[in-house]
Amino acid sequence: MKIVMLGAPGAGKGTQAKMLADKYAIPHISTGDIFRANMKEGTPLGKKAKEFMDAGALVPDELTVDLVLDRIGREDCKNGYILDGFPRTINQAEKLTEALSSQGGDIDFAVNVDVPDESIIKRMAGRRMCPSCGASYHVVNIPPKKEGVCDRCGADLITRKDDQPETVKNRLSVYHEQTQPLYDYYKEKGLVVDVDGTKPMEEVFKAITDRLGE
């Protein structure tokens, strides 16, 4: 099963992607994780990606397409995968379709987690991250046992630059302009599964799996 996750930054699609990956025993491939790993290691790709991500802008296609295609060509993806954060533009989607078509396949579902902008801004303002081990928290939904301190390693938690309100607004603006057209792209292919992302996490997950099947 090959799945693309759609939805604005902060809509919760990453959380749903991880749950779906566990249920269907397929890899969860997050370009965000790939970029952050490269940034932490200080690679040339990471340094370039950091400039764009800190500004709330999209990482250019040429920095992502080949990396993702290489990843989904690996052995652990033979039964499917979940793409989270890719494709983000029509150009990326077309390149993905072209690559899969050459192998006689295509994406099976495009899951769209729909959440209004104002809800996303409030939601992301509560996110916290551990700069040491990478653990993620939320002051309301997934709070650490001790306020401001990572449960895993005891480091002080931070608010990522791209989770701050002004950056989030910019990211949403970029999303609506460049990424939302993907919805129409996959809708025309009859692959979109729409779910209400404002509902509790478990309800959103059930709504998705009811549509995807066992």
C-alpha atoms as a PDB file:
ATOM      1  CA  MET A   1       0.000   0.000   0.000  1.00  0.00           C
ATOM      2  CA  LYS A   2       1.544   3.291  -1.150  1.00  0.00           C
ATOM      3  CA  ILE A   3       0.142   6.334   0.664  1.00  0.00           C
ATOM      4  CA  VAL A   4       0.743  10.074   0.354  1.00  0.00           C
ATOM      5  CA  MET A   5      -0.221  12.242   3.341  1.00  0.00           C
ATOM      6  CA  LEU A   6      -1.797  15.613   2.522  1.00  0.00           C
ATOM      7  CA  GLY A   7      -2.635  18.497   4.860  1.00  0.00           C
ATOM      8  CA  ALA A   8      -1.220  21.776   6.072  1.00  0.00           C
ATOM      9  CA  PRO A   9       1.812  21.969   8.405  1.00  0.00           C
ATOM     10  CA  GLY A  10       0.597  21.104  11.899  1.00  0.00           C
ATOM     11  CA  ALA A  11      -2.562  19.312  10.733  1.00  0.00           C
ATOM     12  CA  GLY A  12      -1.404  16.137  12.461  1.00  0.00           C
ATOM     13  CA  LYS A  13      -0.632  14.130   9.338  1.00  0.00           C
ATOM     14  CA  GLY A  14       2.763  13.073  10.714  1.00  0.00           C
ATOM     15  CA  THR A  15       1.159  11.494  13.779  1.00  0.00           C
ATOM     16  CA  GLN A  16      -1.394   9.696  11.627  1.00  0.00           C
ATOM     17  CA  ALA A  17       1.349   8.553   9.236  1.00  0.00           C
ATOM     18  CA  LYS A  18       3.270   6.891  12.092  1.00  0.00           C
ATOM     19  CA  MET A  19       0.122   5.125  13.319  1.00  0.00           C
ATOM     20  CA  LEU A  20      -0.702   3.934   9.808  1.00  0.00           C
ATOM     21  CA  ALA A  21       2.860   2.704   9.315  1.00  0.00           C
ATOM     22  CA  ASP A  22       2.541   0.594  12.475  1.00  0.00           C
ATOM     23  CA  LYS A  23      -0.852  -0.797  11.461  1.00  0.00           C
ATOM     24  CA  TYR A  24       0.122  -1.753   7.926  1.00  0.00           C
ATOM     25  CA  ALA A  25       3.771  -2.637   8.718  1.00  0.00           C
ATOM     26  CA  ILE A  26       5.224  -0.320   6.068  1.00  0.00           C
ATOM     27  CA  PRO A  27       7.879   2.424   6.417  1.00  0.00           C
ATOM     28  CA  HIS A  28       6.927   5.962   7.396  1.00  0.00           C
ATOM     29  CA  ILE A  29       9.101   8.192   5.225  1.00  0.00           C
ATOM     30  CA  SER A  30       9.230  11.778   6.480  1.00  0.00           C
ATOM     31  CA  THR A  31      11.249  14.253   4.471  1.00  0.00           C
ATOM     32  CA  GLY A  32      11.222  16.512   7.527  1.00  0.00           C
ATOM     33  CA  ASP A  33      13.083  13.857   9.520  1.00  0.00           C
ATOM     34  CA  ILE A  34      15.565  13.407   6.671  1.00  0.00           C
ATOM     35  CA  PHE A  35      16.210  17.155   6.505  1.00  0.00           C
ATOM     36  CA  ARG A  36      16.551  17.515  10.295  1.00  0.00           C
ATOM     37  CA  ALA A  37      18.997  14.602  10.440  1.00  0.00           C
ATOM     38  CA  ASN A  38      21.111  16.266   7.773  1.00  0.00           C
ATOM     39  CA  MET A  39      20.935  19.606   9.596  1.00  0.00           C
ATOM     40  CA  LYS A  40      22.061  18.009  12.856  1.00  0.00           C
ATOM     41  CA  GLU A  41      24.991  16.384  11.053  1.00  0.00           C
ATOM     42  CA  GLY A  42      25.831  19.660   9.311  1.00  0.00           C
ATOM     43  CA  THR A  43      25.840  18.190   5.809  1.00  0.00           C
ATOM     44  CA  PRO A  44      25.706  20.529   2.777  1.00  0.00           C
ATOM     45  CA  LEU A  45      22.094  19.438   2.173  1.00  0.00           C
ATOM     46  CA  GLY A  46      21.261  20.080   5.814  1.00  0.00           C
ATOM     47  CA  LYS A  47      22.706  23.584   5.752  1.00  0.00           C
ATOM     48  CA  LYS A  48      20.729  24.449   2.622  1.00  0.00           C
ATOM     49  CA  ALA A  49      17.541  22.894   3.984  1.00  0.00           C
ATOM     50  CA  LYS A  50      17.905  24.781   7.287  1.00  0.00           C
ATOM     51  CA  GLU A  51      17.893  28.150   5.526  1.00  0.00           C
ATOM     52  CA  PHE A  52      14.550  27.381   3.900  1.00  0.00           C
ATOM     53  CA  MET A  53      12.934  25.639   6.891  1.00  0.00           C
ATOM     54  CA  ASP A  54      13.888  28.412   9.337  1.00  0.00           C
ATOM     55  CA  ALA A  55      12.191  30.908   7.027  1.00  0.00           C
ATOM     56  CA  GLY A  56       9.085  28.727   6.772  1.00  0.00           C
ATOM     57  CA  ALA A  57       9.686  28.160   3.061  1.00  0.00           C
ATOM     58  CA  LEU A  58       9.677  24.926   1.084  1.00  0.00           C
ATOM     59  CA  VAL A  59      12.928  23.112   0.415  1.00  0.00           C
ATOM     60  CA  PRO A  60      13.487  23.254  -3.388  1.00  0.00           C
ATOM     61  CA  ASP A  61      12.537  20.223  -5.464  1.00  0.00           C
ATOM     62  CA  GLU A  62      16.086  19.397  -6.531  1.00  0.00           C
ATOM     63  CA  LEU A  63      17.067  18.830  -2.880  1.00  0.00           C
ATOM     64  CA  THR A  64      14.292  16.338  -2.254  1.00  0.00           C
ATOM     65  CA  VAL A  65      13.162  14.381  -5.322  1.00  0.00           C
ATOM     66  CA  ASP A  66      16.229  12.186  -5.873  1.00  0.00           C
ATOM     67  CA  LEU A  67      16.578  11.546  -2.131  1.00  0.00           C
ATOM     68  CA  VAL A  68      12.977  10.328  -1.812  1.00  0.00           C
ATOM     69  CA  LEU A  69      13.080   8.207  -4.964  1.00  0.00           C
ATOM     70  CA  ASP A  70      16.226   6.517  -3.684  1.00  0.00           C
ATOM     71  CA  ARG A  71      14.543   5.852  -0.329  1.00  0.00           C
ATOM     72  CA  ILE A  72      11.383   4.256  -1.752  1.00  0.00           C
ATOM     73  CA  GLY A  73      13.497   2.040  -3.980  1.00  0.00           C
ATOM     74  CA  ARG A  74      14.921   0.182  -0.989  1.00  0.00           C
ATOM     75  CA  GLU A  75      13.981  -3.336   0.050  1.00  0.00           C
ATOM     76  CA  ASP A  76      11.875  -2.344   3.061  1.00  0.00           C
ATOM     77  CA  CYS A  77       9.496  -0.429   0.756  1.00  0.00           C
ATOM     78  CA  LYS A  78       8.620  -3.389  -1.464  1.00  0.00           C
ATOM     79  CA  ASN A  79       5.200  -3.816   0.238  1.00  0.00           C
ATOM     80  CA  GLY A  80       4.476  -0.083   0.323  1.00  0.00           C
ATOM     81  CA  TYR A  81       5.257   3.048   2.315  1.00  0.00           C
ATOM     82  CA  ILE A  82       3.793   6.274   3.639  1.00  0.00           C
ATOM     83  CA  LEU A  83       5.179   9.549   2.321  1.00  0.00           C
ATOM     84  CA  ASP A  84       4.893  12.386   4.829  1.00  0.00           C
ATOM     85  CA  GLY A  85       6.005  15.802   3.548  1.00  0.00           C
ATOM     86  CA  PHE A  86       6.495  14.664  -0.043  1.00  0.00           C
ATOM     87  CA  PRO A  87       5.349  15.514  -2.627  1.00  0.00           C
ATOM     88  CA  ARG A  88       4.829  19.176  -1.771  1.00  0.00           C
ATOM     89  CA  THR A  89       4.513  20.598  -5.277  1.00  0.00           C
ATOM     90  CA  ILE A  90       2.875  19.494  -8.509  1.00  0.00           C
ATOM     91  CA  ASN A  91       6.332  19.107 -10.029  1.00  0.00           C
ATOM     92  CA  GLN A  92       7.335  16.680  -7.265  1.00  0.00           C
ATOM     93  CA  ALA A  93       4.046  14.765  -7.646  1.00  0.00           C
ATOM     94  CA  GLU A  94       4.539  14.433 -11.382  1.00  0.00           C
ATOM     95  CA  LYS A  95       8.109  13.188 -10.906  1.00  0.00           C
ATOM     96  CA  LEU A  96       6.849  10.643  -8.368  1.00  0.00           C
ATOM     97  CA  THR A  97       4.056   9.487 -10.695  1.00  0.00           C
ATOM     98  CA  GLU A  98       6.533   9.203 -13.544  1.00  0.00           C
ATOM     99  CA  ALA A  99       8.965   7.133 -11.463  1.00  0.00           C
ATOM    100  CA  LEU A 100       6.233   4.799 -10.181  1.00  0.00           C
ATOM    101  CA  SER A 101       4.654   4.485 -13.626  1.00  0.00           C
ATOM    102  CA  SER A 102       7.973   3.279 -15.026  1.00  0.00           C
ATOM    103  CA  GLN A 103       7.671   0.401 -12.538  1.00  0.00           C
ATOM    104  CA  GLY A 104       4.040  -0.262 -13.448  1.00  0.00           C
ATOM    105  CA  GLY A 105       2.554   1.280 -10.307  1.00  0.00           C
ATOM    106  CA  ASP A 106       1.178   4.445  -8.710  1.00  0.00           C
ATOM    107  CA  ILE A 107       0.140   5.861  -5.353  1.00  0.00           C
ATOM    108  CA  ASP A 108      -2.857   3.997  -3.885  1.00  0.00           C
ATOM    109  CA  PHE A 109      -4.271   6.685  -1.552  1.00  0.00           C
ATOM    110  CA  ALA A 110      -3.756  10.370  -0.818  1.00  0.00           C
ATOM    111  CA  VAL A 111      -4.977  10.918   2.762  1.00  0.00           C
ATOM    112  CA  ASN A 112      -5.998  14.551   3.353  1.00  0.00           C
ATOM    113  CA  VAL A 113      -6.076  15.622   7.023  1.00  0.00           C
ATOM    114  CA  ASP A 114      -8.148  18.807   6.976  1.00  0.00           C
ATOM    115  CA  VAL A 115      -7.699  21.426   9.758  1.00  0.00           C
ATOM    116  CA  PRO A 116      -8.517  25.206   9.575  1.00  0.00           C
ATOM    117  CA  ASP A 117      -5.548  27.605   9.648  1.00  0.00           C
ATOM    118  CA  GLU A 118      -6.533  29.241  12.948  1.00  0.00           C
ATOM    119  CA  SER A 119      -6.599  25.851  14.693  1.00  0.00           C
ATOM    120  CA  ILE A 120      -3.170  24.992  13.288  1.00  0.00           C
ATOM    121  CA  ILE A 121      -1.595  28.227  14.550  1.00  0.00           C
ATOM    122  CA  LYS A 122      -2.858  27.529  18.079  1.00  0.00           C
ATOM    123  CA  ARG A 123      -1.853  23.870  17.897  1.00  0.00           C
ATOM    124  CA  MET A 124       1.713  24.506  16.702  1.00  0.00           C
ATOM    125  CA  ALA A 125       2.334  27.229  19.290  1.00  0.00           C
ATOM    126  CA  GLY A 126       2.135  24.484  21.916  1.00  0.00           C
ATOM    127  CA  ARG A 127       4.670  22.165  20.315  1.00  0.00           C
ATOM    128  CA  ARG A 128       8.001  21.588  22.033  1.00  0.00           C
ATOM    129  CA  MET A 129      11.081  19.676  20.888  1.00  0.00           C
ATOM    130  CA  CYS A 130      14.142  18.279  22.602  1.00  0.00           C
ATOM    131  CA  PRO A 131      17.267  19.671  20.891  1.00  0.00           C
ATOM    132  CA  SER A 132      19.319  16.784  22.257  1.00  0.00           C
ATOM    133  CA  CYS A 133      17.424  13.568  21.429  1.00  0.00           C
ATOM    134  CA  GLY A 134      14.726  14.905  19.082  1.00  0.00           C
ATOM    135  CA  ALA A 135      11.717  13.856  21.188  1.00  0.00           C
ATOM    136  CA  SER A 136       8.511  15.813  20.483  1.00  0.00           C
ATOM    137  CA  TYR A 137       5.919  17.112  22.940  1.00  0.00           C
ATOM    138  CA  HIS A 138       2.880  19.366  23.120  1.00  0.00           C
ATOM    139  CA  VAL A 139       2.007  21.436  26.179  1.00  0.00           C
ATOM    140  CA  VAL A 140      -1.632  20.265  26.009  1.00  0.00           C
ATOM    141  CA  ASN A 141      -1.780  17.009  24.021  1.00  0.00           C
ATOM    142  CA  ILE A 142       1.553  15.333  24.890  1.00  0.00           C
ATOM    143  CA  PRO A 143       3.057  17.233  27.845  1.00  0.00           C
ATOM    144  CA  PRO A 144       6.392  16.158  29.375  1.00  0.00           C
ATOM    145  CA  LYS A 145       6.259  14.786  32.925  1.00  0.00           C
ATOM    146  CA  LYS A 146       8.140  17.880  34.099  1.00  0.00           C
ATOM    147  CA  GLU A 147       7.293  21.165  32.393  1.00  0.00           C
ATOM    148  CA  GLY A 148       9.954  22.230  29.909  1.00  0.00           C
ATOM    149  CA  VAL A 149      12.131  19.135  30.432  1.00  0.00           C
ATOM    150  CA  CYS A 150      12.547  16.115  28.143  1.00  0.00           C
ATOM    151  CA  ASP A 151      11.323  12.819  29.626  1.00  0.00           C
ATOM    152  CA  ARG A 152      13.977  10.842  27.771  1.00  0.00           C
ATOM    153  CA  CYS A 153      17.218  12.724  28.391  1.00  0.00           C
ATOM    154  CA  GLY A 154      16.439  15.602  30.764  1.00  0.00           C
ATOM    155  CA  ALA A 155      17.405  18.378  28.334  1.00  0.00           C
ATOM    156  CA  ASP A 156      15.498  21.674  28.276  1.00  0.00           C
ATOM    157  CA  LEU A 157      12.770  21.681  25.625  1.00  0.00           C
ATOM    158  CA  ILE A 158      12.593  24.384  22.953  1.00  0.00           C
ATOM    159  CA  THR A 159      10.040  25.836  20.562  1.00  0.00           C
ATOM    160  CA  ARG A 160      11.342  25.253  17.066  1.00  0.00           C
ATOM    161  CA  LYS A 161      11.728  28.389  14.979  1.00  0.00           C
ATOM    162  CA  ASP A 162       9.298  27.027  12.385  1.00  0.00           C
ATOM    163  CA  ASP A 163       6.621  26.517  15.099  1.00  0.00           C
ATOM    164  CA  GLN A 164       6.516  30.203  16.101  1.00  0.00           C
ATOM    165  CA  PRO A 165       3.265  31.999  15.088  1.00  0.00           C
ATOM    166  CA  GLU A 166       4.707  34.324  12.434  1.00  0.00           C
ATOM    167  CA  THR A 167       6.646  31.492  10.812  1.00  0.00           C
ATOM    168  CA  VAL A 168       3.578  29.247  10.952  1.00  0.00           C
ATOM    169  CA  LYS A 169       1.510  31.903   9.159  1.00  0.00           C
ATOM    170  CA  ASN A 170       4.179  32.096   6.481  1.00  0.00           C
ATOM    171  CA  ARG A 171       4.287  28.308   6.168  1.00  0.00           C
ATOM    172  CA  LEU A 172       0.503  28.186   5.773  1.00  0.00           C
ATOM    173  CA  SER A 173       0.639  30.868   3.102  1.00  0.00           C
ATOM    174  CA  VAL A 174       3.268  28.881   1.207  1.00  0.00           C
ATOM    175  CA  TYR A 175       1.205  25.717   1.661  1.00  0.00           C
ATOM    176  CA  HIS A 176      -1.976  27.223   0.221  1.00  0.00           C
ATOM    177  CA  GLU A 177      -0.090  28.671  -2.730  1.00  0.00           C
ATOM    178  CA  GLN A 178       2.188  25.789  -3.671  1.00  0.00           C
ATOM    179  CA  THR A 179       1.079  22.602  -1.936  1.00  0.00           C
ATOM    180  CA  GLN A 180      -2.717  22.653  -1.781  1.00  0.00           C
ATOM    181  CA  PRO A 181      -2.966  22.173  -5.585  1.00  0.00           C
ATOM    182  CA  LEU A 182      -1.762  18.618  -4.870  1.00  0.00           C
ATOM    183  CA  TYR A 183      -5.221  17.947  -3.480  1.00  0.00           C
ATOM    184  CA  ASP A 184      -6.742  18.654  -6.896  1.00  0.00           C
ATOM    185  CA  TYR A 185      -4.010  16.617  -8.596  1.00  0.00           C
ATOM    186  CA  TYR A 186      -4.804  13.481  -6.589  1.00  0.00           C
ATOM    187  CA  LYS A 187      -8.544  14.194  -6.540  1.00  0.00           C
ATOM    188  CA  GLU A 188      -8.568  14.006 -10.341  1.00  0.00           C
ATOM    189  CA  LYS A 189      -6.879  10.614 -10.050  1.00  0.00           C
ATOM    190  CA  GLY A 190      -9.612   9.464  -7.630  1.00  0.00           C
ATOM    191  CA  LEU A 191      -7.137   8.790  -4.818  1.00  0.00           C
ATOM    192  CA  VAL A 192      -8.106  11.333  -2.126  1.00  0.00           C
ATOM    193  CA  VAL A 193      -9.382  10.202   1.283  1.00  0.00           C
ATOM    194  CA  ASP A 194     -10.719  13.245   3.215  1.00  0.00           C
ATOM    195  CA  VAL A 195     -10.781  13.224   7.033  1.00  0.00           C
ATOM    196  CA  ASP A 196     -11.638  15.887   9.626  1.00  0.00           C
ATOM    197  CA  GLY A 197      -8.356  16.563  11.437  1.00  0.00           C
ATOM    198  CA  THR A 198      -9.965  18.619  14.217  1.00  0.00           C
ATOM    199  CA  LYS A 199     -11.351  15.485  15.857  1.00  0.00           C
ATOM    200  CA  PRO A 200      -9.459  13.467  18.502  1.00  0.00           C
ATOM    201  CA  MET A 201      -6.436  11.582  17.191  1.00  0.00           C
ATOM    202  CA  GLU A 202      -8.034   8.132  17.594  1.00  0.00           C
ATOM    203  CA  GLU A 203     -11.181   9.210  15.725  1.00  0.00           C
ATOM    204  CA  VAL A 204      -9.125  10.598  12.858  1.00  0.00           C
ATOM    205  CA  PHE A 205      -7.172   7.336  12.679  1.00  0.00           C
ATOM    206  CA  LYS A 206     -10.353   5.257  12.612  1.00  0.00           C
ATOM    207  CA  ALA A 207     -11.833   7.425   9.877  1.00  0.00           C
ATOM    208  CA  ILE A 208      -8.725   6.849   7.758  1.00  0.00           C
ATOM    209  CA  THR A 209      -8.456   3.100   8.307  1.00  0.00           C
ATOM    210  CA  ASP A 210     -12.177   2.628   7.671  1.00  0.00           C
ATOM    211  CA  ARG A 211     -11.558   4.030   4.192  1.00  0.00           C
ATOM    212  CA  LEU A 212      -8.256   2.261   3.529  1.00  0.00           C
ATOM    213  CA  GLY A 213      -9.411  -1.144   4.761  1.00  0.00           C
ATOM    214  CA  GLU A 214      -7.636  -3.848   6.730  1.00  0.00           C
END
